[in-house]
PDB file of N, CA and C in Angstrom:
ATOM      1  N   MET A   1       2.282   3.778 -19.319  1.00  0.00           N
ATOM      2  CA  MET A   1       2.907   4.318 -18.356  1.00  0.00           C
ATOM      3  C   MET A   1       2.532   4.873 -17.345  1.00  0.00           C
ATOM      4  N   GLY A   2       1.439   5.345 -17.469  1.00  0.00           N
ATOM      5  CA  GLY A   2       0.414   5.976 -16.292  1.00  0.00           C
ATOM      6  C   GLY A   2       0.251   5.245 -14.890  1.00  0.00           C
ATOM      7  N   GLN A   3       0.117   4.112 -15.226  1.00  0.00           N
ATOM      8  CA  GLN A   3      -0.521   3.233 -14.046  1.00  0.00           C
ATOM      9  C   GLN A   3       1.301   2.664 -13.593  1.00  0.00           C
ATOM     10  N   THR A   4       2.014   2.903 -14.371  1.00  0.00           N
ATOM     11  CA  THR A   4       3.202   2.254 -14.353  1.00  0.00           C
ATOM     12  C   THR A   4       4.002   2.995 -12.998  1.00  0.00           C
ATOM     13  N   LEU A   5       3.676   4.827 -13.719  1.00  0.00           N
ATOM     14  CA  LEU A   5       4.469   5.678 -12.517  1.00  0.00           C
ATOM     15  C   LEU A   5       3.302   5.561 -11.491  1.00  0.00           C
ATOM     16  N   ASN A   6       2.357   5.531 -11.096  1.00  0.00           N
ATOM     17  CA  ASN A   6       1.052   5.332 -10.068  1.00  0.00           C
ATOM     18  C   ASN A   6       1.757   4.310  -9.042  1.00  0.00           C
ATOM     19  N   LEU A   7       1.730   3.160 -10.229  1.00  0.00           N
ATOM     20  CA  LEU A   7       2.617   1.448  -8.708  1.00  0.00           C
ATOM     21  C   LEU A   7       3.821   2.273  -7.980  1.00  0.00           C
ATOM     22  N   ASP A   8       4.893   3.061  -9.087  1.00  0.00           N
ATOM     23  CA  ASP A   8       6.154   3.306  -8.338  1.00  0.00           C
ATOM     24  C   ASP A   8       5.838   4.491  -7.117  1.00  0.00           C
ATOM     25  N   ASN A   9       4.804   5.278  -7.501  1.00  0.00           N
ATOM     26  CA  ASN A   9       4.417   5.986  -6.363  1.00  0.00           C
ATOM     27  C   ASN A   9       4.206   5.344  -4.853  1.00  0.00           C
ATOM     28  N   VAL A  10       3.381   4.703  -5.385  1.00  0.00           N
ATOM     29  CA  VAL A  10       2.262   3.474  -4.254  1.00  0.00           C
ATOM     30  C   VAL A  10       3.726   2.737  -4.054  1.00  0.00           C
ATOM     31  N   PHE A  11       4.335   1.975  -4.046  1.00  0.00           N
ATOM     32  CA  PHE A  11       5.154   1.035  -3.859  1.00  0.00           C
ATOM     33  C   PHE A  11       6.424   2.117  -2.912  1.00  0.00           C
ATOM     34  N   GLY A  12       6.948   3.132  -3.301  1.00  0.00           N
ATOM     35  CA  GLY A  12       7.470   4.194  -3.314  1.00  0.00           C
ATOM     36  C   GLY A  12       7.115   4.730  -1.719  1.00  0.00           C
ATOM     37  N   SER A  13       5.977   5.033  -1.658  1.00  0.00           N
ATOM     38  CA  SER A  13       5.206   5.571  -0.709  1.00  0.00           C
ATOM     39  C   SER A  13       5.281   4.761   0.440  1.00  0.00           C
ATOM     40  N   LEU A  14       4.828   3.166   0.390  1.00  0.00           N
ATOM     41  CA  LEU A  14       4.635   2.218   1.262  1.00  0.00           C
ATOM     42  C   LEU A  14       6.125   1.912   1.949  1.00  0.00           C
ATOM     43  N   ALA A  15       7.035   2.169   1.016  1.00  0.00           N
ATOM     44  CA  ALA A  15       8.704   1.698   1.243  1.00  0.00           C
ATOM     45  C   ALA A  15       9.218   2.164   2.532  1.00  0.00           C
ATOM     46  N   ASP A  16       8.601   3.554   3.422  1.00  0.00           N
ATOM     47  CA  ASP A  16       8.786   3.879   4.197  1.00  0.00           C
ATOM     48  C   ASP A  16       7.926   3.549   5.525  1.00  0.00           C
ATOM     49  N   PRO A  17       8.645   2.994   6.819  1.00  0.00           N
ATOM     50  CA  PRO A  17       7.961   2.605   7.969  1.00  0.00           C
ATOM     51  C   PRO A  17       6.811   3.797   8.314  1.00  0.00           C
ATOM     52  N   THR A  18       7.081   5.081   8.139  1.00  0.00           N
ATOM     53  CA  THR A  18       6.526   6.162   8.993  1.00  0.00           C
ATOM     54  C   THR A  18       5.215   6.464   8.000  1.00  0.00           C
ATOM     55  N   ARG A  19       5.822   6.361   6.599  1.00  0.00           N
ATOM     56  CA  ARG A  19       4.105   6.243   5.926  1.00  0.00           C
ATOM     57  C   ARG A  19       3.204   5.295   5.555  1.00  0.00           C
ATOM     58  N   ARG A  20       3.950   3.925   6.059  1.00  0.00           N
ATOM     59  CA  ARG A  20       2.860   3.200   6.687  1.00  0.00           C
ATOM     60  C   ARG A  20       2.186   3.099   7.785  1.00  0.00           C
ATOM     61  N   ASP A  21       2.723   3.771   8.707  1.00  0.00           N
ATOM     62  CA  ASP A  21       1.871   3.637   9.695  1.00  0.00           C
ATOM     63  C   ASP A  21       1.184   5.372   9.856  1.00  0.00           C
ATOM     64  N   ILE A  22       1.254   5.692   9.056  1.00  0.00           N
ATOM     65  CA  ILE A  22       0.506   7.198   8.810  1.00  0.00           C
ATOM     66  C   ILE A  22      -0.789   6.612   8.112  1.00  0.00           C
ATOM     67  N   LEU A  23      -0.416   5.662   7.226  1.00  0.00           N
ATOM     68  CA  LEU A  23      -1.594   5.428   6.557  1.00  0.00           C
ATOM     69  C   LEU A  23      -2.677   4.343   7.329  1.00  0.00           C
ATOM     70  N   ARG A  24      -1.961   3.906   8.227  1.00  0.00           N
ATOM     71  CA  ARG A  24      -2.900   2.450   8.695  1.00  0.00           C
ATOM     72  C   ARG A  24      -3.411   3.331  10.257  1.00  0.00           C
ATOM     73  N   ARG A  25      -2.967   4.536  10.685  1.00  0.00           N
ATOM     74  CA  ARG A  25      -3.609   5.575  11.389  1.00  0.00           C
ATOM     75  C   ARG A  25      -5.060   6.133  10.822  1.00  0.00           C
ATOM     76  N   VAL A  26      -4.345   6.814   9.463  1.00  0.00           N
ATOM     77  CA  VAL A  26      -5.575   7.396   8.607  1.00  0.00           C
ATOM     78  C   VAL A  26      -6.658   6.411   7.841  1.00  0.00           C
ATOM     79  N   ALA A  27      -6.227   4.979   8.011  1.00  0.00           N
ATOM     80  CA  ALA A  27      -7.681   3.847   7.447  1.00  0.00           C
ATOM     81  C   ALA A  27      -8.633   3.652   8.296  1.00  0.00           C
ATOM     82  N   GLY A  28      -8.239   3.822   9.695  1.00  0.00           N
ATOM     83  CA  GLY A  28      -8.824   3.649  11.165  1.00  0.00           C
ATOM     84  C   GLY A  28     -10.015   5.092  11.248  1.00  0.00           C
ATOM     85  N   GLY A  29      -9.800   6.345  10.297  1.00  0.00           N
ATOM     86  CA  GLY A  29     -10.985   7.452  10.378  1.00  0.00           C
ATOM     87  C   GLY A  29     -10.022   8.743   9.720  1.00  0.00           C
ATOM     88  N   ASN A  30     -10.769   9.703   9.619  1.00  0.00           N
ATOM     89  CA  ASN A  30     -10.152  10.595   9.162  1.00  0.00           C
ATOM     90  C   ASN A  30      -9.415  11.793  10.211  1.00  0.00           C
ATOM     91  N   LEU A  31      -7.939  12.343  10.300  1.00  0.00           N
ATOM     92  CA  LEU A  31      -7.320  12.902  11.068  1.00  0.00           C
ATOM     93  C   LEU A  31      -6.827  14.157  10.233  1.00  0.00           C
ATOM     94  N   THR A  32      -6.673  15.007  11.569  1.00  0.00           N
ATOM     95  CA  THR A  32      -5.912  16.203  10.930  1.00  0.00           C
ATOM     96  C   THR A  32      -4.223  16.024  11.449  1.00  0.00           C
ATOM     97  N   VAL A  33      -4.050  17.017  10.646  1.00  0.00           N
ATOM     98  CA  VAL A  33      -2.511  17.070  10.261  1.00  0.00           C
ATOM     99  C   VAL A  33      -1.849  16.864  11.476  1.00  0.00           C
ATOM    100  N   GLY A  34      -2.105  18.319  12.641  1.00  0.00           N
ATOM    101  CA  GLY A  34      -1.939  17.836  13.770  1.00  0.00           C
ATOM    102  C   GLY A  34      -1.830  16.698  14.846  1.00  0.00           C
ATOM    103  N   GLU A  35      -3.380  15.853  14.059  1.00  0.00           N
ATOM    104  CA  GLU A  35      -3.577  14.500  15.406  1.00  0.00           C
ATOM    105  C   GLU A  35      -2.064  13.635  14.296  1.00  0.00           C
ATOM    106  N   ILE A  36      -2.399  13.611  13.103  1.00  0.00           N
ATOM    107  CA  ILE A  36      -1.106  12.652  12.419  1.00  0.00           C
ATOM    108  C   ILE A  36       0.290  13.078  12.758  1.00  0.00           C
ATOM    109  N   ALA A  37       0.697  14.023  13.091  1.00  0.00           N
ATOM    110  CA  ALA A  37       1.894  14.450  13.236  1.00  0.00           C
ATOM    111  C   ALA A  37       2.405  13.631  15.583  1.00  0.00           C
ATOM    112  N   ALA A  38       1.275  14.369  16.039  1.00  0.00           N
ATOM    113  CA  ALA A  38       1.519  14.443  17.187  1.00  0.00           C
ATOM    114  C   ALA A  38       2.429  12.920  17.643  1.00  0.00           C
ATOM    115  N   PRO A  39       2.405  11.719  17.665  1.00  0.00           N
ATOM    116  CA  PRO A  39       2.348  10.668  17.913  1.00  0.00           C
ATOM    117  C   PRO A  39       4.206  10.455  17.490  1.00  0.00           C
ATOM    118  N   TYR A  40       4.743  11.372  16.549  1.00  0.00           N
ATOM    119  CA  TYR A  40       6.143  11.498  15.871  1.00  0.00           C
ATOM    120  C   TYR A  40       6.739  12.275  16.506  1.00  0.00           C
ATOM    121  N   ASP A  41       8.248  11.739  16.505  1.00  0.00           N
ATOM    122  CA  ASP A  41       9.181  12.876  16.847  1.00  0.00           C
ATOM    123  C   ASP A  41       9.692  13.375  15.786  1.00  0.00           C
ATOM    124  N   LEU A  42       8.927  14.232  14.876  1.00  0.00           N
ATOM    125  CA  LEU A  42       9.238  14.769  13.856  1.00  0.00           C
ATOM    126  C   LEU A  42       8.609  15.965  14.089  1.00  0.00           C
ATOM    127  N   SER A  43       9.087  17.064  12.816  1.00  0.00           N
ATOM    128  CA  SER A  43       8.680  18.082  12.536  1.00  0.00           C
ATOM    129  C   SER A  43       7.482  18.121  11.702  1.00  0.00           C
ATOM    130  N   LEU A  44       6.987  19.043  11.934  1.00  0.00           N
ATOM    131  CA  LEU A  44       5.731  19.568  10.995  1.00  0.00           C
ATOM    132  C   LEU A  44       5.886  19.394   9.917  1.00  0.00           C
ATOM    133  N   ALA A  45       6.656  20.154   9.568  1.00  0.00           N
ATOM    134  CA  ALA A  45       7.644  19.991   7.897  1.00  0.00           C
ATOM    135  C   ALA A  45       7.710  18.723   7.528  1.00  0.00           C
ATOM    136  N   ALA A  46       8.257  17.832   8.254  1.00  0.00           N
ATOM    137  CA  ALA A  46       8.525  16.603   7.849  1.00  0.00           C
ATOM    138  C   ALA A  46       7.176  15.759   8.007  1.00  0.00           C
ATOM    139  N   VAL A  47       6.207  15.553   8.730  1.00  0.00           N
ATOM    140  CA  VAL A  47       5.428  15.354   8.199  1.00  0.00           C
ATOM    141  C   VAL A  47       4.926  15.557   7.059  1.00  0.00           C
ATOM    142  N   SER A  48       4.310  16.660   6.599  1.00  0.00           N
ATOM    143  CA  SER A  48       4.023  17.418   5.949  1.00  0.00           C
ATOM    144  C   SER A  48       4.592  17.080   4.459  1.00  0.00           C
ATOM    145  N   LYS A  49       5.681  16.451   4.645  1.00  0.00           N
ATOM    146  CA  LYS A  49       6.388  15.793   3.369  1.00  0.00           C
ATOM    147  C   LYS A  49       5.769  14.282   2.871  1.00  0.00           C
ATOM    148  N   HIS A  50       5.907  13.705   4.643  1.00  0.00           N
ATOM    149  CA  HIS A  50       5.391  11.652   4.405  1.00  0.00           C
ATOM    150  C   HIS A  50       3.615  12.700   3.670  1.00  0.00           C
ATOM    151  N   LEU A  51       3.332  13.303   4.299  1.00  0.00           N
ATOM    152  CA  LEU A  51       1.463  13.297   3.423  1.00  0.00           C
ATOM    153  C   LEU A  51       1.481  13.815   2.195  1.00  0.00           C
ATOM    154  N   LYS A  52       2.632  14.784   2.179  1.00  0.00           N
ATOM    155  CA  LYS A  52       2.714  14.915   0.035  1.00  0.00           C
ATOM    156  C   LYS A  52       3.190  13.750  -0.673  1.00  0.00           C
ATOM    157  N   THR A  53       4.086  13.365  -0.190  1.00  0.00           N
ATOM    158  CA  THR A  53       4.508  11.382  -0.610  1.00  0.00           C
ATOM    159  C   THR A  53       2.813  10.911  -0.755  1.00  0.00           C
ATOM    160  N   LEU A  54       2.801  10.505   0.202  1.00  0.00           N
ATOM    161  CA  LEU A  54       1.042   9.562   0.414  1.00  0.00           C
ATOM    162  C   LEU A  54       0.336   9.905  -0.773  1.00  0.00           C
ATOM    163  N   GLU A  55       0.105  11.651  -0.729  1.00  0.00           N
ATOM    164  CA  GLU A  55      -0.988  12.006  -1.352  1.00  0.00           C
ATOM    165  C   GLU A  55      -0.689  12.026  -3.467  1.00  0.00           C
ATOM    166  N   ARG A  56       0.717  12.377  -3.477  1.00  0.00           N
ATOM    167  CA  ARG A  56       1.085  12.114  -4.543  1.00  0.00           C
ATOM    168  C   ARG A  56       0.814  10.938  -5.268  1.00  0.00           C
ATOM    169  N   ALA A  57       0.784   9.758  -4.719  1.00  0.00           N
ATOM    170  CA  ALA A  57       0.775   8.339  -4.726  1.00  0.00           C
ATOM    171  C   ALA A  57      -0.793   8.133  -4.787  1.00  0.00           C
ATOM    172  N   LYS A  58      -1.682   9.059  -4.580  1.00  0.00           N
ATOM    173  CA  LYS A  58      -3.016   8.799  -4.399  1.00  0.00           C
ATOM    174  C   LYS A  58      -3.375   8.235  -3.415  1.00  0.00           C
ATOM    175  N   LEU A  59      -2.663   8.074  -2.059  1.00  0.00           N
ATOM    176  CA  LEU A  59      -3.108   6.998  -0.855  1.00  0.00           C
ATOM    177  C   LEU A  59      -3.996   7.873  -0.267  1.00  0.00           C
ATOM    178  N   ILE A  60      -3.856   9.132  -0.070  1.00  0.00           N
ATOM    179  CA  ILE A  60      -4.643  10.303   0.855  1.00  0.00           C
ATOM    180  C   ILE A  60      -5.393  11.144   0.073  1.00  0.00           C
ATOM    181  N   ILE A  61      -6.035  11.761   0.567  1.00  0.00           N
ATOM    182  CA  ILE A  61      -6.857  12.732   0.198  1.00  0.00           C
ATOM    183  C   ILE A  61      -7.017  13.892   1.227  1.00  0.00           C
ATOM    184  N   LYS A  62      -6.382  15.181   1.197  1.00  0.00           N
ATOM    185  CA  LYS A  62      -6.625  16.551   1.753  1.00  0.00           C
ATOM    186  C   LYS A  62      -7.638  17.095   1.666  1.00  0.00           C
ATOM    187  N   TRP A  63      -8.067  18.352   2.387  1.00  0.00           N
ATOM    188  CA  TRP A  63      -8.926  19.051   2.607  1.00  0.00           C
ATOM    189  C   TRP A  63      -8.966  19.824   3.501  1.00  0.00           C
ATOM    190  N   ARG A  64      -9.128  21.179   3.092  1.00  0.00           N
ATOM    191  CA  ARG A  64      -9.593  22.209   4.638  1.00  0.00           C
ATOM    192  C   ARG A  64     -10.823  21.881   5.265  1.00  0.00           C
ATOM    193  N   GLN A  65     -10.471  22.116   6.038  1.00  0.00           N
ATOM    194  CA  GLN A  65     -12.195  22.415   7.097  1.00  0.00           C
ATOM    195  C   GLN A  65     -11.757  23.336   8.021  1.00  0.00           C
ATOM    196  N   GLY A  66     -12.139  25.005   7.665  1.00  0.00           N
ATOM    197  CA  GLY A  66     -11.907  25.459   8.781  1.00  0.00           C
ATOM    198  C   GLY A  66     -10.137  26.194   8.645  1.00  0.00           C
ATOM    199  N   LYS A  67      -9.934  26.188   9.587  1.00  0.00           N
ATOM    200  CA  LYS A  67      -7.860  26.089   9.589  1.00  0.00           C
ATOM    201  C   LYS A  67      -7.531  25.056   9.614  1.00  0.00           C
ATOM    202  N   GLN A  68      -8.097  23.666   9.889  1.00  0.00           N
ATOM    203  CA  GLN A  68      -7.502  22.899   9.928  1.00  0.00           C
ATOM    204  C   GLN A  68      -7.292  21.504   8.660  1.00  0.00           C
ATOM    205  N   GLN A  69      -6.443  20.810   8.300  1.00  0.00           N
ATOM    206  CA  GLN A  69      -6.370  20.089   6.975  1.00  0.00           C
ATOM    207  C   GLN A  69      -7.094  18.357   7.780  1.00  0.00           C
ATOM    208  N   ILE A  70      -7.472  18.307   6.714  1.00  0.00           N
ATOM    209  CA  ILE A  70      -8.170  17.070   6.934  1.00  0.00           C
ATOM    210  C   ILE A  70      -7.319  16.058   6.306  1.00  0.00           C
ATOM    211  N   VAL A  71      -6.772  14.687   6.592  1.00  0.00           N
ATOM    212  CA  VAL A  71      -6.863  13.735   6.070  1.00  0.00           C
ATOM    213  C   VAL A  71      -7.334  12.524   5.718  1.00  0.00           C
ATOM    214  N   GLN A  72      -7.963  11.433   4.849  1.00  0.00           N
ATOM    215  CA  GLN A  72      -8.372  10.609   4.660  1.00  0.00           C
ATOM    216  C   GLN A  72      -7.857   9.923   3.721  1.00  0.00           C
ATOM    217  N   VAL A  73      -8.170   8.307   3.679  1.00  0.00           N
ATOM    218  CA  VAL A  73      -7.582   7.550   2.780  1.00  0.00           C
ATOM    219  C   VAL A  73      -8.540   7.698   1.890  1.00  0.00           C
ATOM    220  N   SER A  74      -7.756   7.666   0.501  1.00  0.00           N
ATOM    221  CA  SER A  74      -8.488   7.679  -0.620  1.00  0.00           C
ATOM    222  C   SER A  74      -9.268   6.584  -0.908  1.00  0.00           C
ATOM    223  N   PRO A  75     -10.397   6.406  -1.539  1.00  0.00           N
ATOM    224  CA  PRO A  75     -11.415   5.434  -1.717  1.00  0.00           C
ATOM    225  C   PRO A  75     -10.619   4.613  -2.628  1.00  0.00           C
ATOM    226  N   ASP A  76      -9.905   4.634  -3.626  1.00  0.00           N
ATOM    227  CA  ASP A  76      -9.504   3.684  -4.816  1.00  0.00           C
ATOM    228  C   ASP A  76      -8.137   3.446  -4.335  1.00  0.00           C
ATOM    229  N   ALA A  77      -7.402   3.896  -3.189  1.00  0.00           N
ATOM    230  CA  ALA A  77      -6.032   4.042  -2.704  1.00  0.00           C
ATOM    231  C   ALA A  77      -5.473   2.656  -3.359  1.00  0.00           C
ATOM    232  N   PHE A  78      -5.827   1.606  -2.961  1.00  0.00           N
ATOM    233  CA  PHE A  78      -5.063   0.670  -3.323  1.00  0.00           C
ATOM    234  C   PHE A  78      -5.216  -0.335  -4.923  1.00  0.00           C
ATOM    235  N   LYS A  79      -5.990   0.007  -5.327  1.00  0.00           N
ATOM    236  CA  LYS A  79      -6.575  -0.709  -6.830  1.00  0.00           C
ATOM    237  C   LYS A  79      -5.704  -0.933  -7.543  1.00  0.00           C
ATOM    238  N   ASP A  80      -5.155  -0.015  -7.939  1.00  0.00           N
ATOM    239  CA  ASP A  80      -3.631  -0.610  -9.014  1.00  0.00           C
ATOM    240  C   ASP A  80      -2.754  -1.454  -8.574  1.00  0.00           C
ATOM    241  N   ALA A  81      -2.385  -1.117  -7.114  1.00  0.00           N
ATOM    242  CA  ALA A  81      -1.533  -2.155  -6.574  1.00  0.00           C
ATOM    243  C   ALA A  81      -2.010  -3.175  -5.944  1.00  0.00           C
ATOM    244  N   ALA A  82      -3.251  -3.575  -6.123  1.00  0.00           N
ATOM    245  CA  ALA A  82      -3.827  -4.605  -5.645  1.00  0.00           C
ATOM    246  C   ALA A  82      -3.930  -5.572  -6.955  1.00  0.00           C
ATOM    247  N   GLU A  83      -4.542  -5.157  -8.057  1.00  0.00           N
ATOM    248  CA  GLU A  83      -4.279  -5.694  -9.031  1.00  0.00           C
ATOM    249  C   GLU A  83      -2.873  -5.897  -9.483  1.00  0.00           C
ATOM    250  N   TYR A  84      -2.090  -5.307  -9.531  1.00  0.00           N
ATOM    251  CA  TYR A  84      -0.825  -5.679  -9.810  1.00  0.00           C
ATOM    252  C   TYR A  84      -0.279  -6.935  -9.085  1.00  0.00           C
ATOM    253  N   LEU A  85      -0.542  -6.984  -7.359  1.00  0.00           N
ATOM    254  CA  LEU A  85      -0.357  -7.941  -6.989  1.00  0.00           C
ATOM    255  C   LEU A  85      -0.885  -9.174  -7.378  1.00  0.00           C
ATOM    256  N   GLU A  86      -2.010  -9.154  -7.630  1.00  0.00           N
ATOM    257  CA  GLU A  86      -3.093 -10.386  -8.020  1.00  0.00           C
ATOM    258  C   GLU A  86      -2.287 -10.962  -9.014  1.00  0.00           C
ATOM    259  N   TRP A  87      -1.892 -10.262 -10.290  1.00  0.00           N
ATOM    260  CA  TRP A  87      -1.458 -10.761 -11.263  1.00  0.00           C
ATOM    261  C   TRP A  87      -0.463 -11.928 -10.774  1.00  0.00           C
ATOM    262  N   TYR A  88       0.613 -11.520  -9.464  1.00  0.00           N
ATOM    263  CA  TYR A  88       2.040 -12.286  -9.379  1.00  0.00           C
ATOM    264  C   TYR A  88       1.522 -13.440  -8.188  1.00  0.00           C
ATOM    265  N   ARG A  89       0.356 -13.085  -7.814  1.00  0.00           N
ATOM    266  CA  ARG A  89      -0.754 -13.837  -6.921  1.00  0.00           C
ATOM    267  C   ARG A  89      -0.895 -15.243  -7.589  1.00  0.00           C
ATOM    268  N   ASP A  90      -1.381 -15.155  -8.813  1.00  0.00           N
ATOM    269  CA  ASP A  90      -2.333 -15.843  -9.662  1.00  0.00           C
ATOM    270  C   ASP A  90      -0.966 -16.743 -10.315  1.00  0.00           C
ATOM    271  N   LEU A  91      -0.096 -16.268 -10.530  1.00  0.00           N
ATOM    272  CA  LEU A  91       1.225 -16.728 -11.318  1.00  0.00           C
ATOM    273  C   LEU A  91       1.857 -17.635 -10.625  1.00  0.00           C
ATOM    274  N   TRP A  92       2.096 -17.485  -9.451  1.00  0.00           N
ATOM    275  CA  TRP A  92       2.256 -18.305  -8.278  1.00  0.00           C
ATOM    276  C   TRP A  92       1.875 -19.513  -7.836  1.00  0.00           C
ATOM    277  N   GLU A  93       0.707 -19.122  -8.004  1.00  0.00           N
ATOM    278  CA  GLU A  93       0.026 -20.289  -7.697  1.00  0.00           C
ATOM    279  C   GLU A  93      -0.522 -21.153  -8.568  1.00  0.00           C
ATOM    280  N   GLN A  94      -0.402 -20.608  -9.763  1.00  0.00           N
ATOM    281  CA  GLN A  94      -0.571 -21.927 -10.958  1.00  0.00           C
ATOM    282  C   GLN A  94       0.734 -22.663 -11.001  1.00  0.00           C
ATOM    283  N   ARG A  95       2.056 -22.101 -10.800  1.00  0.00           N
ATOM    284  CA  ARG A  95       3.531 -22.651 -10.944  1.00  0.00           C
ATOM    285  C   ARG A  95       3.162 -23.405  -9.277  1.00  0.00           C
ATOM    286  N   LEU A  96       2.891 -23.388  -8.127  1.00  0.00           N
ATOM    287  CA  LEU A  96       2.761 -24.043  -7.060  1.00  0.00           C
ATOM    288  C   LEU A  96       2.164 -25.187  -7.128  1.00  0.00           C
ATOM    289  N   ASP A  97       0.995 -24.975  -7.958  1.00  0.00           N
ATOM    290  CA  ASP A  97      -0.502 -26.257  -8.659  1.00  0.00           C
ATOM    291  C   ASP A  97       0.594 -27.125  -9.471  1.00  0.00           C
ATOM    292  N   SER A  98       1.440 -26.589 -10.123  1.00  0.00           N
ATOM    293  CA  SER A  98       1.996 -27.401 -11.220  1.00  0.00           C
ATOM    294  C   SER A  98       3.077 -27.884 -10.509  1.00  0.00           C
ATOM    295  N   LEU A  99       3.819 -27.778  -9.843  1.00  0.00           N
ATOM    296  CA  LEU A  99       4.774 -28.223  -9.257  1.00  0.00           C
ATOM    297  C   LEU A  99       4.157 -29.459  -8.129  1.00  0.00           C
ATOM    298  N   GLY A 100       3.162 -29.260  -7.348  1.00  0.00           N
ATOM    299  CA  GLY A 100       2.350 -30.160  -6.378  1.00  0.00           C
ATOM    300  C   GLY A 100       2.097 -30.968  -7.564  1.00  0.00           C
ATOM    301  N   GLU A 101       1.703 -30.904  -8.992  1.00  0.00           N
ATOM    302  CA  GLU A 101       0.943 -32.407  -9.639  1.00  0.00           C
ATOM    303  C   GLU A 101       2.212 -32.724 -10.287  1.00  0.00           C
ATOM    304  N   LEU A 102       3.352 -32.447 -10.097  1.00  0.00           N
ATOM    305  CA  LEU A 102       4.549 -32.835 -10.622  1.00  0.00           C
ATOM    306  C   LEU A 102       5.107 -33.881  -9.740  1.00  0.00           C
ATOM    307  N   LEU A 103       4.724 -33.324  -8.832  1.00  0.00           N
ATOM    308  CA  LEU A 103       5.262 -34.287  -7.441  1.00  0.00           C
ATOM    309  C   LEU A 103       4.520 -35.571  -6.895  1.00  0.00           C
ATOM    310  N   ARG A 104       3.121 -35.294  -6.869  1.00  0.00           N
ATOM    311  CA  ARG A 104       2.177 -36.231  -7.090  1.00  0.00           C
ATOM    312  C   ARG A 104       2.365 -37.244  -8.290  1.00  0.00           C
ATOM    313  N   LYS A 105       2.896 -37.032  -9.079  1.00  0.00           N
ATOM    314  CA  LYS A 105       3.198 -37.878 -10.254  1.00  0.00           C
ATOM    315  C   LYS A 105       4.506 -38.505 -10.328  1.00  0.00           C
ATOM    316  N   GLU A 106       5.009 -37.678  -9.543  1.00  0.00           N
ATOM    317  CA  GLU A 106       6.354 -38.545  -9.117  1.00  0.00           C
ATOM    318  C   GLU A 106       6.598 -39.681  -8.297  1.00  0.00           C
ATOM    319  N   GLN A 107       5.889 -39.150  -7.031  1.00  0.00           N
ATOM    320  CA  GLN A 107       5.493 -39.849  -6.014  1.00  0.00           C
ATOM    321  C   GLN A 107       4.256 -41.414  -6.012  1.00  0.00           C
ATOM    322  N   GLU A 108       3.492 -41.075  -7.479  1.00  0.00           N
ATOM    323  CA  GLU A 108       2.753 -42.344  -7.989  1.00  0.00           C
ATOM    324  C   GLU A 108       3.711 -43.226  -8.258  1.00  0.00           C
ATOM    325  N   ARG A 109       4.999 -42.893  -9.113  1.00  0.00           N
ATOM    326  CA  ARG A 109       5.347 -44.112  -9.654  1.00  0.00           C
ATOM    327  C   ARG A 109       7.102 -44.297  -9.457  1.00  0.00           C
ATOM    328  N   SER A 110       6.816 -43.584  -7.949  1.00  0.00           N
ATOM    329  CA  SER A 110       7.966 -44.457  -7.133  1.00  0.00           C
ATOM    330  C   SER A 110       7.693 -45.162  -6.539  1.00  0.00           C
ATOM    331  N   PRO A 111       8.503 -46.503  -6.307  1.00  0.00           N
ATOM    332  CA  PRO A 111       8.071 -47.554  -5.700  1.00  0.00           C
ATOM    333  C   PRO A 111       8.043 -47.748  -4.524  1.00  0.00           C
ATOM    334  N   LYS A 112       6.887 -48.448  -3.707  1.00  0.00           N
ATOM    335  CA  LYS A 112       6.954 -48.052  -2.479  1.00  0.00           C
ATOM    336  C   LYS A 112       7.565 -49.158  -0.997  1.00  0.00           C
TER     337      LYS A 112
END
């Protein structure tokens, strides 16, 4: 159940375009909350809510450095999600391989 809850949080967090953009920007290097908020036409409180959502999903880590809060991408941010998606990728590759084999056999049987 813990992994399911984390996957729900990860995919729920990534469903919002602002959060995806924040994550993309933070992946380029650690940023302060002010640096994150600067390009958006949002209040600091709204950006803070987005950051809390990303933090709850364990996609980012926040810490204090003096008076500033620093944000960085979590080292294991996408591990569970990547494993989950990999299972489906393998499943569809197997199905497509089977379909390809079926079509190849069908083509061999049909008159030329």
